[in-house]
Structure formats: structure tokens, C-alpha cells
């Protein structure tokens, strides 16, 4: 796939990116190299290759949920920077 200035402008608009006009040629070249590499991947024979679900050989170690000792809420609340009786005060997130 050939990347031109119009394609770059459209991608930048969709991604909400501001591109420095002095960098346009470099970015167009880099995108072209990336797309060439991705197209080359389609040449690989993947007929008998199982899809990966994880890149790691690690296995999750699940443990049973058990009720045990816990920190009384008054001791936990005293460690907070700002509290209101039974709750931590936090900055407003939604307007």
C-alpha cells in the first residue's frame, strides 16, 4: 500500500494527531516501510500453526478465597489523607 500526503492527513485527523509539516516525508516513509513489512507477513505459510493466546509460558496460580483477619476500618481510614466518617474522600472524577 502506498502512503501519500492525503492518506497521512486522514490518518492524523482520525488519530487526532498534529504532524509537523517538516516531518511529513519521514512519517510517510516510515509508514510505507511498516506496511511493506506487514504485507510480507502474508507470505508466511501458517496453515498448521496454532494461534497464540499468550506469549508467556506462565500459568496462573489460583487460590481459594478464604475469610481471614482484616484491618478494622477505623485503622484503615486513619491512613488516608482525607476521610469522611466511613469513607475516603477523593477528587471528583466525573463532571
PDB file of N, CA and C in Angstrom:
ATOM      1  N   UNK A   1       0.852  -1.180   0.000  1.00  0.00           N
ATOM      2  CA  UNK A   1       0.000   0.000   0.000  1.00  0.00           C
ATOM      3  C   UNK A   1       0.895   1.239   0.000  1.00  0.00           C
ATOM      4  N   UNK A   2       0.579   2.167  -0.831  1.00  0.00           N
ATOM      5  CA  UNK A   2       1.338   3.407  -0.940  1.00  0.00           C
ATOM      6  C   UNK A   2       0.713   4.450  -0.018  1.00  0.00           C
ATOM      7  N   UNK A   3       1.549   5.071   0.802  1.00  0.00           N
ATOM      8  CA  UNK A   3       1.089   6.134   1.687  1.00  0.00           C
ATOM      9  C   UNK A   3       1.466   7.464   1.048  1.00  0.00           C
ATOM     10  N   UNK A   4       0.475   8.329   0.870  1.00  0.00           N
ATOM     11  CA  UNK A   4       0.752   9.654   0.337  1.00  0.00           C
ATOM     12  C   UNK A   4       0.340  10.710   1.362  1.00  0.00           C
ATOM     13  N   UNK A   5       0.509  11.961   1.013  1.00  0.00           N
ATOM     14  CA  UNK A   5       0.216  13.038   1.958  1.00  0.00           C
ATOM     15  C   UNK A   5      -1.258  13.054   2.350  1.00  0.00           C
ATOM     16  N   UNK A   6      -2.162  12.776   1.390  1.00  0.00           N
ATOM     17  CA  UNK A   6      -3.598  12.761   1.714  1.00  0.00           C
ATOM     18  C   UNK A   6      -3.923  11.662   2.722  1.00  0.00           C
ATOM     19  N   UNK A   7      -3.322  10.490   2.535  1.00  0.00           N
ATOM     20  CA  UNK A   7      -3.537   9.377   3.466  1.00  0.00           C
ATOM     21  C   UNK A   7      -3.006   9.741   4.851  1.00  0.00           C
ATOM     22  N   UNK A   8      -1.827  10.334   4.900  1.00  0.00           N
ATOM     23  CA  UNK A   8      -1.244  10.746   6.176  1.00  0.00           C
ATOM     24  C   UNK A   8      -2.126  11.772   6.866  1.00  0.00           C
ATOM     25  N   UNK A   9      -2.636  12.734   6.115  1.00  0.00           N
ATOM     26  CA  UNK A   9      -3.515  13.761   6.688  1.00  0.00           C
ATOM     27  C   UNK A   9      -4.777  13.126   7.262  1.00  0.00           C
ATOM     28  N   UNK A  10      -5.347  12.153   6.536  1.00  0.00           N
ATOM     29  CA  UNK A  10      -6.563  11.477   7.005  1.00  0.00           C
ATOM     30  C   UNK A  10      -6.284  10.676   8.278  1.00  0.00           C
ATOM     31  N   UNK A  11      -5.171   9.939   8.300  1.00  0.00           N
ATOM     32  CA  UNK A  11      -4.801   9.162   9.496  1.00  0.00           C
ATOM     33  C   UNK A  11      -4.573  10.083  10.675  1.00  0.00           C
ATOM     34  N   UNK A  12      -3.867  11.177  10.439  1.00  0.00           N
ATOM     35  CA  UNK A  12      -3.593  12.133  11.518  1.00  0.00           C
ATOM     36  C   UNK A  12      -4.889  12.717  12.064  1.00  0.00           C
ATOM     37  N   UNK A  13      -5.833  13.019  11.177  1.00  0.00           N
ATOM     38  CA  UNK A  13      -7.122  13.558  11.625  1.00  0.00           C
ATOM     39  C   UNK A  13      -7.876  12.529  12.466  1.00  0.00           C
ATOM     40  N   UNK A  14      -7.932  11.285  11.995  1.00  0.00           N
ATOM     41  CA  UNK A  14      -8.649  10.235  12.728  1.00  0.00           C
ATOM     42  C   UNK A  14      -8.014   9.958  14.082  1.00  0.00           C
ATOM     43  N   UNK A  15      -6.683  10.048  14.155  1.00  0.00           N
ATOM     44  CA  UNK A  15      -5.975   9.784  15.411  1.00  0.00           C
ATOM     45  C   UNK A  15      -5.830  11.039  16.262  1.00  0.00           C
ATOM     46  N   UNK A  16      -6.358  12.148  15.770  1.00  0.00           N
ATOM     47  CA  UNK A  16      -6.268  13.431  16.464  1.00  0.00           C
ATOM     48  C   UNK A  16      -4.809  13.796  16.765  1.00  0.00           C
ATOM     49  N   UNK A  17      -3.957  13.666  15.736  1.00  0.00           N
ATOM     50  CA  UNK A  17      -2.536  13.984  15.858  1.00  0.00           C
ATOM     51  C   UNK A  17      -2.221  15.253  15.084  1.00  0.00           C
ATOM     52  N   UNK A  18      -1.324  16.033  15.630  1.00  0.00           N
ATOM     53  CA  UNK A  18      -0.800  17.177  14.900  1.00  0.00           C
ATOM     54  C   UNK A  18       0.570  16.776  14.385  1.00  0.00           C
ATOM     55  N   UNK A  19       0.747  16.846  13.072  1.00  0.00           N
ATOM     56  CA  UNK A  19       2.011  16.438  12.474  1.00  0.00           C
ATOM     57  C   UNK A  19       2.745  17.672  11.984  1.00  0.00           C
ATOM     58  N   UNK A  20       3.990  17.777  12.395  1.00  0.00           N
ATOM     59  CA  UNK A  20       4.848  18.874  11.963  1.00  0.00           C
ATOM     60  C   UNK A  20       5.079  18.742  10.459  1.00  0.00           C
ATOM     61  N   UNK A  21       4.786  19.784   9.674  1.00  0.00           N
ATOM     62  CA  UNK A  21       4.968  19.694   8.221  1.00  0.00           C
ATOM     63  C   UNK A  21       6.393  19.280   7.818  1.00  0.00           C
ATOM     64  N   UNK A  22       7.382  19.596   8.607  1.00  0.00           N
ATOM     65  CA  UNK A  22       8.747  19.205   8.302  1.00  0.00           C
ATOM     66  C   UNK A  22       8.997  17.717   8.490  1.00  0.00           C
ATOM     67  N   UNK A  23       8.117  17.040   9.190  1.00  0.00           N
ATOM     68  CA  UNK A  23       8.275  15.617   9.471  1.00  0.00           C
ATOM     69  C   UNK A  23       7.419  14.734   8.559  1.00  0.00           C
ATOM     70  N   UNK A  24       6.582  15.346   7.721  1.00  0.00           N
ATOM     71  CA  UNK A  24       5.647  14.568   6.905  1.00  0.00           C
ATOM     72  C   UNK A  24       6.349  13.536   6.022  1.00  0.00           C
ATOM     73  N   UNK A  25       7.413  13.940   5.335  1.00  0.00           N
ATOM     74  CA  UNK A  25       8.099  12.998   4.437  1.00  0.00           C
ATOM     75  C   UNK A  25       8.667  11.808   5.193  1.00  0.00           C
ATOM     76  N   UNK A  26       9.248  12.060   6.363  1.00  0.00           N
ATOM     77  CA  UNK A  26       9.813  10.965   7.177  1.00  0.00           C
ATOM     78  C   UNK A  26       8.705  10.025   7.636  1.00  0.00           C
ATOM     79  N   UNK A  27       7.587  10.580   8.086  1.00  0.00           N
ATOM     80  CA  UNK A  27       6.476   9.760   8.572  1.00  0.00           C
ATOM     81  C   UNK A  27       5.882   8.940   7.431  1.00  0.00           C
ATOM     82  N   UNK A  28       5.724   9.556   6.256  1.00  0.00           N
ATOM     83  CA  UNK A  28       5.204   8.824   5.100  1.00  0.00           C
ATOM     84  C   UNK A  28       6.131   7.664   4.758  1.00  0.00           C
ATOM     85  N   UNK A  29       7.432   7.909   4.787  1.00  0.00           N
ATOM     86  CA  UNK A  29       8.409   6.853   4.509  1.00  0.00           C
ATOM     87  C   UNK A  29       8.324   5.739   5.554  1.00  0.00           C
ATOM     88  N   UNK A  30       8.253   6.118   6.837  1.00  0.00           N
ATOM     89  CA  UNK A  30       8.175   5.124   7.916  1.00  0.00           C
ATOM     90  C   UNK A  30       6.904   4.285   7.810  1.00  0.00           C
ATOM     91  N   UNK A  31       5.778   4.929   7.540  1.00  0.00           N
ATOM     92  CA  UNK A  31       4.522   4.185   7.392  1.00  0.00           C
ATOM     93  C   UNK A  31       4.590   3.226   6.212  1.00  0.00           C
ATOM     94  N   UNK A  32       5.213   3.668   5.125  1.00  0.00           N
ATOM     95  CA  UNK A  32       5.378   2.795   3.959  1.00  0.00           C
ATOM     96  C   UNK A  32       6.204   1.567   4.282  1.00  0.00           C
ATOM     97  N   UNK A  33       7.288   1.759   5.060  1.00  0.00           N
ATOM     98  CA  UNK A  33       8.121   0.616   5.460  1.00  0.00           C
ATOM     99  C   UNK A  33       7.350  -0.343   6.352  1.00  0.00           C
ATOM    100  N   UNK A  34       6.561   0.191   7.261  1.00  0.00           N
ATOM    101  CA  UNK A  34       5.766  -0.658   8.156  1.00  0.00           C
ATOM    102  C   UNK A  34       4.758  -1.476   7.351  1.00  0.00           C
ATOM    103  N   UNK A  35       4.068  -0.832   6.434  1.00  0.00           N
ATOM    104  CA  UNK A  35       3.064  -1.540   5.636  1.00  0.00           C
ATOM    105  C   UNK A  35       3.699  -2.579   4.726  1.00  0.00           C
ATOM    106  N   UNK A  36       4.885  -2.291   4.200  1.00  0.00           N
ATOM    107  CA  UNK A  36       5.603  -3.275   3.384  1.00  0.00           C
ATOM    108  C   UNK A  36       5.943  -4.499   4.221  1.00  0.00           C
ATOM    109  N   UNK A  37       6.394  -4.280   5.447  1.00  0.00           N
ATOM    110  CA  UNK A  37       6.733  -5.379   6.355  1.00  0.00           C
ATOM    111  C   UNK A  37       5.487  -6.207   6.679  1.00  0.00           C
ATOM    112  N   UNK A  38       4.359  -5.544   6.938  1.00  0.00           N
ATOM    113  CA  UNK A  38       3.121  -6.268   7.255  1.00  0.00           C
ATOM    114  C   UNK A  38       2.659  -7.076   6.044  1.00  0.00           C
ATOM    115  N   UNK A  39       2.765  -6.520   4.842  1.00  0.00           N
ATOM    116  CA  UNK A  39       2.393  -7.255   3.634  1.00  0.00           C
ATOM    117  C   UNK A  39       3.282  -8.481   3.456  1.00  0.00           C
ATOM    118  N   UNK A  40       4.551  -8.380   3.829  1.00  0.00           N
ATOM    119  CA  UNK A  40       5.485  -9.504   3.716  1.00  0.00           C
ATOM    120  C   UNK A  40       5.054 -10.648   4.640  1.00  0.00           C
ATOM    121  N   UNK A  41       4.453 -10.319   5.769  1.00  0.00           N
ATOM    122  CA  UNK A  41       3.984 -11.352   6.698  1.00  0.00           C
ATOM    123  C   UNK A  41       2.916 -12.246   6.058  1.00  0.00           C
ATOM    124  N   UNK A  42       2.148 -11.706   5.132  1.00  0.00           N
ATOM    125  CA  UNK A  42       1.093 -12.502   4.499  1.00  0.00           C
ATOM    126  C   UNK A  42       1.659 -13.616   3.623  1.00  0.00           C
ATOM    127  N   UNK A  43       2.953 -13.545   3.322  1.00  0.00           N
ATOM    128  CA  UNK A  43       3.582 -14.596   2.520  1.00  0.00           C
ATOM    129  C   UNK A  43       3.886 -15.852   3.333  1.00  0.00           C
ATOM    130  N   UNK A  44       3.855 -15.743   4.652  1.00  0.00           N
ATOM    131  CA  UNK A  44       4.186 -16.891   5.505  1.00  0.00           C
ATOM    132  C   UNK A  44       3.097 -17.948   5.455  1.00  0.00           C
ATOM    133  N   UNK A  45       3.517 -19.216   5.456  1.00  0.00           N
ATOM    134  CA  UNK A  45       2.573 -20.327   5.491  1.00  0.00           C
ATOM    135  C   UNK A  45       2.202 -20.594   6.944  1.00  0.00           C
ATOM    136  N   UNK A  46       0.979 -20.309   7.306  1.00  0.00           N
ATOM    137  CA  UNK A  46       0.514 -20.502   8.678  1.00  0.00           C
ATOM    138  C   UNK A  46      -0.569 -21.574   8.754  1.00  0.00           C
ATOM    139  N   UNK A  47      -0.593 -22.442   7.783  1.00  0.00           N
ATOM    140  CA  UNK A  47      -1.644 -23.462   7.687  1.00  0.00           C
ATOM    141  C   UNK A  47      -1.733 -24.330   8.941  1.00  0.00           C
ATOM    142  N   UNK A  48      -0.619 -24.854   9.432  1.00  0.00           N
ATOM    143  CA  UNK A  48      -0.647 -25.774  10.575  1.00  0.00           C
ATOM    144  C   UNK A  48      -0.137 -25.133  11.866  1.00  0.00           C
ATOM    145  N   UNK A  49      -0.230 -23.828  11.962  1.00  0.00           N
ATOM    146  CA  UNK A  49       0.244 -23.112  13.147  1.00  0.00           C
ATOM    147  C   UNK A  49      -0.948 -22.786  14.036  1.00  0.00           C
ATOM    148  N   UNK A  50      -0.858 -23.208  15.287  1.00  0.00           N
ATOM    149  CA  UNK A  50      -1.927 -22.928  16.240  1.00  0.00           C
ATOM    150  C   UNK A  50      -1.853 -21.466  16.682  1.00  0.00           C
ATOM    151  N   UNK A  51      -2.987 -20.790  16.812  1.00  0.00           N
ATOM    152  CA  UNK A  51      -2.964 -19.396  17.257  1.00  0.00           C
ATOM    153  C   UNK A  51      -2.468 -19.286  18.697  1.00  0.00           C
ATOM    154  N   UNK A  52      -1.750 -18.214  18.973  1.00  0.00           N
ATOM    155  CA  UNK A  52      -1.269 -17.960  20.333  1.00  0.00           C
ATOM    156  C   UNK A  52      -2.348 -17.256  21.133  1.00  0.00           C
ATOM    157  N   UNK A  53      -2.506 -17.665  22.354  1.00  0.00           N
ATOM    158  CA  UNK A  53      -3.395 -16.936  23.248  1.00  0.00           C
ATOM    159  C   UNK A  53      -2.592 -16.175  24.288  1.00  0.00           C
ATOM    160  N   UNK A  54      -1.311 -16.553  24.421  1.00  0.00           N
ATOM    161  CA  UNK A  54      -0.459 -15.897  25.401  1.00  0.00           C
ATOM    162  C   UNK A  54       0.992 -16.070  24.963  1.00  0.00           C
ATOM    163  N   UNK A  55       1.797 -15.054  25.111  1.00  0.00           N
ATOM    164  CA  UNK A  55       3.200 -15.135  24.717  1.00  0.00           C
ATOM    165  C   UNK A  55       4.069 -15.739  25.823  1.00  0.00           C
ATOM    166  N   UNK A  56       3.512 -15.950  26.967  1.00  0.00           N
ATOM    167  CA  UNK A  56       4.276 -16.428  28.113  1.00  0.00           C
ATOM    168  C   UNK A  56       3.883 -17.863  28.453  1.00  0.00           C
ATOM    169  N   UNK A  57       4.803 -18.583  29.021  1.00  0.00           N
ATOM    170  CA  UNK A  57       4.512 -19.949  29.474  1.00  0.00           C
ATOM    171  C   UNK A  57       4.021 -19.968  30.924  1.00  0.00           C
ATOM    172  N   UNK A  58       3.865 -18.781  31.513  1.00  0.00           N
ATOM    173  CA  UNK A  58       3.414 -18.681  32.900  1.00  0.00           C
ATOM    174  C   UNK A  58       1.991 -19.231  33.036  1.00  0.00           C
ATOM    175  N   UNK A  59       1.722 -19.840  34.171  1.00  0.00           N
ATOM    176  CA  UNK A  59       0.393 -20.372  34.460  1.00  0.00           C
ATOM    177  C   UNK A  59      -0.117 -19.666  35.707  1.00  0.00           C
ATOM    178  N   UNK A  60      -1.372 -19.230  35.656  1.00  0.00           N
ATOM    179  CA  UNK A  60      -1.950 -18.572  36.826  1.00  0.00           C
ATOM    180  C   UNK A  60      -2.072 -19.561  37.976  1.00  0.00           C
ATOM    181  N   UNK A  61      -1.707 -19.106  39.141  1.00  0.00           N
ATOM    182  CA  UNK A  61      -1.895 -19.925  40.335  1.00  0.00           C
ATOM    183  C   UNK A  61      -3.080 -19.353  41.094  1.00  0.00           C
ATOM    184  N   UNK A  62      -4.180 -20.040  40.989  1.00  0.00           N
ATOM    185  CA  UNK A  62      -5.375 -19.591  41.675  1.00  0.00           C
ATOM    186  C   UNK A  62      -5.383 -20.146  43.086  1.00  0.00           C
ATOM    187  N   UNK A  63      -5.896 -19.376  43.994  1.00  0.00           N
ATOM    188  CA  UNK A  63      -6.014 -19.846  45.369  1.00  0.00           C
ATOM    189  C   UNK A  63      -7.453 -19.644  45.826  1.00  0.00           C
ATOM    190  N   UNK A  64      -7.850 -20.425  46.788  1.00  0.00           N
ATOM    191  CA  UNK A  64      -9.206 -20.312  47.308  1.00  0.00           C
ATOM    192  C   UNK A  64      -9.369 -18.998  48.059  1.00  0.00           C
ATOM    193  N   UNK A  65     -10.560 -18.395  47.931  1.00  0.00           N
ATOM    194  CA  UNK A  65     -10.883 -17.212  48.719  1.00  0.00           C
ATOM    195  C   UNK A  65     -11.216 -17.670  50.125  1.00  0.00           C
ATOM    196  N   UNK A  66     -10.512 -17.140  51.089  1.00  0.00           N
ATOM    197  CA  UNK A  66     -10.753 -17.520  52.484  1.00  0.00           C
ATOM    198  C   UNK A  66     -10.974 -16.268  53.309  1.00  0.00           C
ATOM    199  N   UNK A  67     -11.935 -16.337  54.213  1.00  0.00           N
ATOM    200  CA  UNK A  67     -12.168 -15.256  55.139  1.00  0.00           C
ATOM    201  C   UNK A  67     -11.077 -15.322  56.192  1.00  0.00           C
ATOM    202  N   UNK A  68     -10.465 -14.201  56.438  1.00  0.00           N
ATOM    203  CA  UNK A  68      -9.405 -14.189  57.438  1.00  0.00           C
ATOM    204  C   UNK A  68      -9.383 -12.850  58.160  1.00  0.00           C
ATOM    205  N   UNK A  69      -8.296 -12.619  58.842  1.00  0.00           N
ATOM    206  CA  UNK A  69      -8.150 -11.354  59.562  1.00  0.00           C
ATOM    207  C   UNK A  69      -8.103 -10.204  58.557  1.00  0.00           C
ATOM    208  N   UNK A  70      -8.713  -9.119  58.939  1.00  0.00           N
ATOM    209  CA  UNK A  70      -8.681  -7.943  58.096  1.00  0.00           C
ATOM    210  C   UNK A  70      -8.420  -6.718  58.961  1.00  0.00           C
ATOM    211  N   UNK A  71      -8.090  -5.637  58.317  1.00  0.00           N
ATOM    212  CA  UNK A  71      -7.798  -4.391  59.007  1.00  0.00           C
ATOM    213  C   UNK A  71      -9.111  -3.727  59.398  1.00  0.00           C
ATOM    214  N   UNK A  72      -9.302  -3.424  60.670  1.00  0.00           N
ATOM    215  CA  UNK A  72     -10.528  -2.708  61.062  1.00  0.00           C
ATOM    216  C   UNK A  72     -10.615  -1.376  60.313  1.00  0.00           C
ATOM    217  N   UNK A  73     -11.837  -1.006  59.917  1.00  0.00           N
ATOM    218  CA  UNK A  73     -11.967   0.160  59.038  1.00  0.00           C
ATOM    219  C   UNK A  73     -11.477   1.446  59.680  1.00  0.00           C
ATOM    220  N   UNK A  74     -11.558   1.578  60.989  1.00  0.00           N
ATOM    221  CA  UNK A  74     -11.077   2.817  61.608  1.00  0.00           C
ATOM    222  C   UNK A  74      -9.554   2.941  61.504  1.00  0.00           C
ATOM    223  N   UNK A  75      -8.840   1.828  61.560  1.00  0.00           N
ATOM    224  CA  UNK A  75      -7.389   1.869  61.391  1.00  0.00           C
ATOM    225  C   UNK A  75      -7.017   2.128  59.936  1.00  0.00           C
ATOM    226  N   UNK A  76      -7.784   1.565  59.016  1.00  0.00           N
ATOM    227  CA  UNK A  76      -7.508   1.802  57.601  1.00  0.00           C
ATOM    228  C   UNK A  76      -7.800   3.239  57.209  1.00  0.00           C
ATOM    229  N   UNK A  77      -8.882   3.794  57.724  1.00  0.00           N
ATOM    230  CA  UNK A  77      -9.256   5.162  57.385  1.00  0.00           C
ATOM    231  C   UNK A  77      -8.269   6.183  57.929  1.00  0.00           C
ATOM    232  N   UNK A  78      -7.648   5.885  59.060  1.00  0.00           N
ATOM    233  CA  UNK A  78      -6.722   6.872  59.626  1.00  0.00           C
ATOM    234  C   UNK A  78      -5.475   7.036  58.758  1.00  0.00           C
ATOM    235  N   UNK A  79      -5.216   6.079  57.857  1.00  0.00           N
ATOM    236  CA  UNK A  79      -4.066   6.187  56.974  1.00  0.00           C
ATOM    237  C   UNK A  79      -4.361   7.017  55.729  1.00  0.00           C
ATOM    238  N   UNK A  80      -5.628   7.337  55.493  1.00  0.00           N
ATOM    239  CA  UNK A  80      -5.986   8.108  54.308  1.00  0.00           C
ATOM    240  C   UNK A  80      -5.707   9.584  54.491  1.00  0.00           C
ATOM    241  N   UNK A  81      -5.432  10.293  53.405  1.00  0.00           N
ATOM    242  CA  UNK A  81      -5.138  11.721  53.518  1.00  0.00           C
ATOM    243  C   UNK A  81      -6.360  12.550  53.900  1.00  0.00           C
ATOM    244  N   UNK A  82      -7.560  12.104  53.492  1.00  0.00           N
ATOM    245  CA  UNK A  82      -8.780  12.849  53.796  1.00  0.00           C
ATOM    246  C   UNK A  82      -9.929  11.852  53.895  1.00  0.00           C
ATOM    247  N   UNK A  83     -10.633  11.859  55.023  1.00  0.00           N
ATOM    248  CA  UNK A  83     -11.725  10.911  55.233  1.00  0.00           C
ATOM    249  C   UNK A  83     -12.981  11.638  55.687  1.00  0.00           C
ATOM    250  N   UNK A  84     -14.098  10.931  55.566  1.00  0.00           N
ATOM    251  CA  UNK A  84     -15.384  11.460  55.999  1.00  0.00           C
ATOM    252  C   UNK A  84     -16.118  10.315  56.678  1.00  0.00           C
ATOM    253  N   UNK A  85     -16.003  10.195  57.969  1.00  0.00           N
ATOM    254  CA  UNK A  85     -16.584   9.133  58.778  1.00  0.00           C
ATOM    255  C   UNK A  85     -16.146   7.748  58.296  1.00  0.00           C
ATOM    256  N   UNK A  86     -16.934   7.123  57.405  1.00  0.00           N
ATOM    257  CA  UNK A  86     -16.642   5.756  56.975  1.00  0.00           C
ATOM    258  C   UNK A  86     -16.031   5.659  55.580  1.00  0.00           C
ATOM    259  N   UNK A  87     -15.648   6.781  54.989  1.00  0.00           N
ATOM    260  CA  UNK A  87     -15.186   6.763  53.598  1.00  0.00           C
ATOM    261  C   UNK A  87     -13.915   7.581  53.409  1.00  0.00           C
ATOM    262  N   UNK A  88     -13.166   7.232  52.373  1.00  0.00           N
ATOM    263  CA  UNK A  88     -12.060   8.067  51.924  1.00  0.00           C
ATOM    264  C   UNK A  88     -12.629   9.152  51.023  1.00  0.00           C
ATOM    265  N   UNK A  89     -12.137  10.379  51.147  1.00  0.00           N
ATOM    266  CA  UNK A  89     -12.520  11.438  50.215  1.00  0.00           C
ATOM    267  C   UNK A  89     -11.517  11.436  49.067  1.00  0.00           C
ATOM    268  N   UNK A  90     -12.058  11.482  47.862  1.00  0.00           N
ATOM    269  CA  UNK A  90     -11.204  11.505  46.668  1.00  0.00           C
ATOM    270  C   UNK A  90     -11.651  12.647  45.768  1.00  0.00           C
ATOM    271  N   UNK A  91     -10.773  13.105  44.894  1.00  0.00           N
ATOM    272  CA  UNK A  91     -11.182  14.188  43.980  1.00  0.00           C
ATOM    273  C   UNK A  91     -12.317  13.732  43.063  1.00  0.00           C
ATOM    274  N   UNK A  92     -13.152  14.668  42.671  1.00  0.00           N
ATOM    275  CA  UNK A  92     -14.253  14.389  41.764  1.00  0.00           C
ATOM    276  C   UNK A  92     -13.699  13.943  40.410  1.00  0.00           C
ATOM    277  N   UNK A  93     -14.232  12.846  39.867  1.00  0.00           N
ATOM    278  CA  UNK A  93     -13.736  12.302  38.613  1.00  0.00           C
ATOM    279  C   UNK A  93     -14.629  12.706  37.450  1.00  0.00           C
ATOM    280  N   UNK A  94     -15.929  12.613  37.612  1.00  0.00           N
ATOM    281  CA  UNK A  94     -16.869  12.950  36.558  1.00  0.00           C
ATOM    282  C   UNK A  94     -17.482  14.306  36.823  1.00  0.00           C
ATOM    283  N   UNK A  95     -17.701  15.060  35.755  1.00  0.00           N
ATOM    284  CA  UNK A  95     -18.215  16.422  35.896  1.00  0.00           C
ATOM    285  C   UNK A  95     -19.647  16.542  35.959  1.00  0.00           C
TER     286      UNK A  95
END
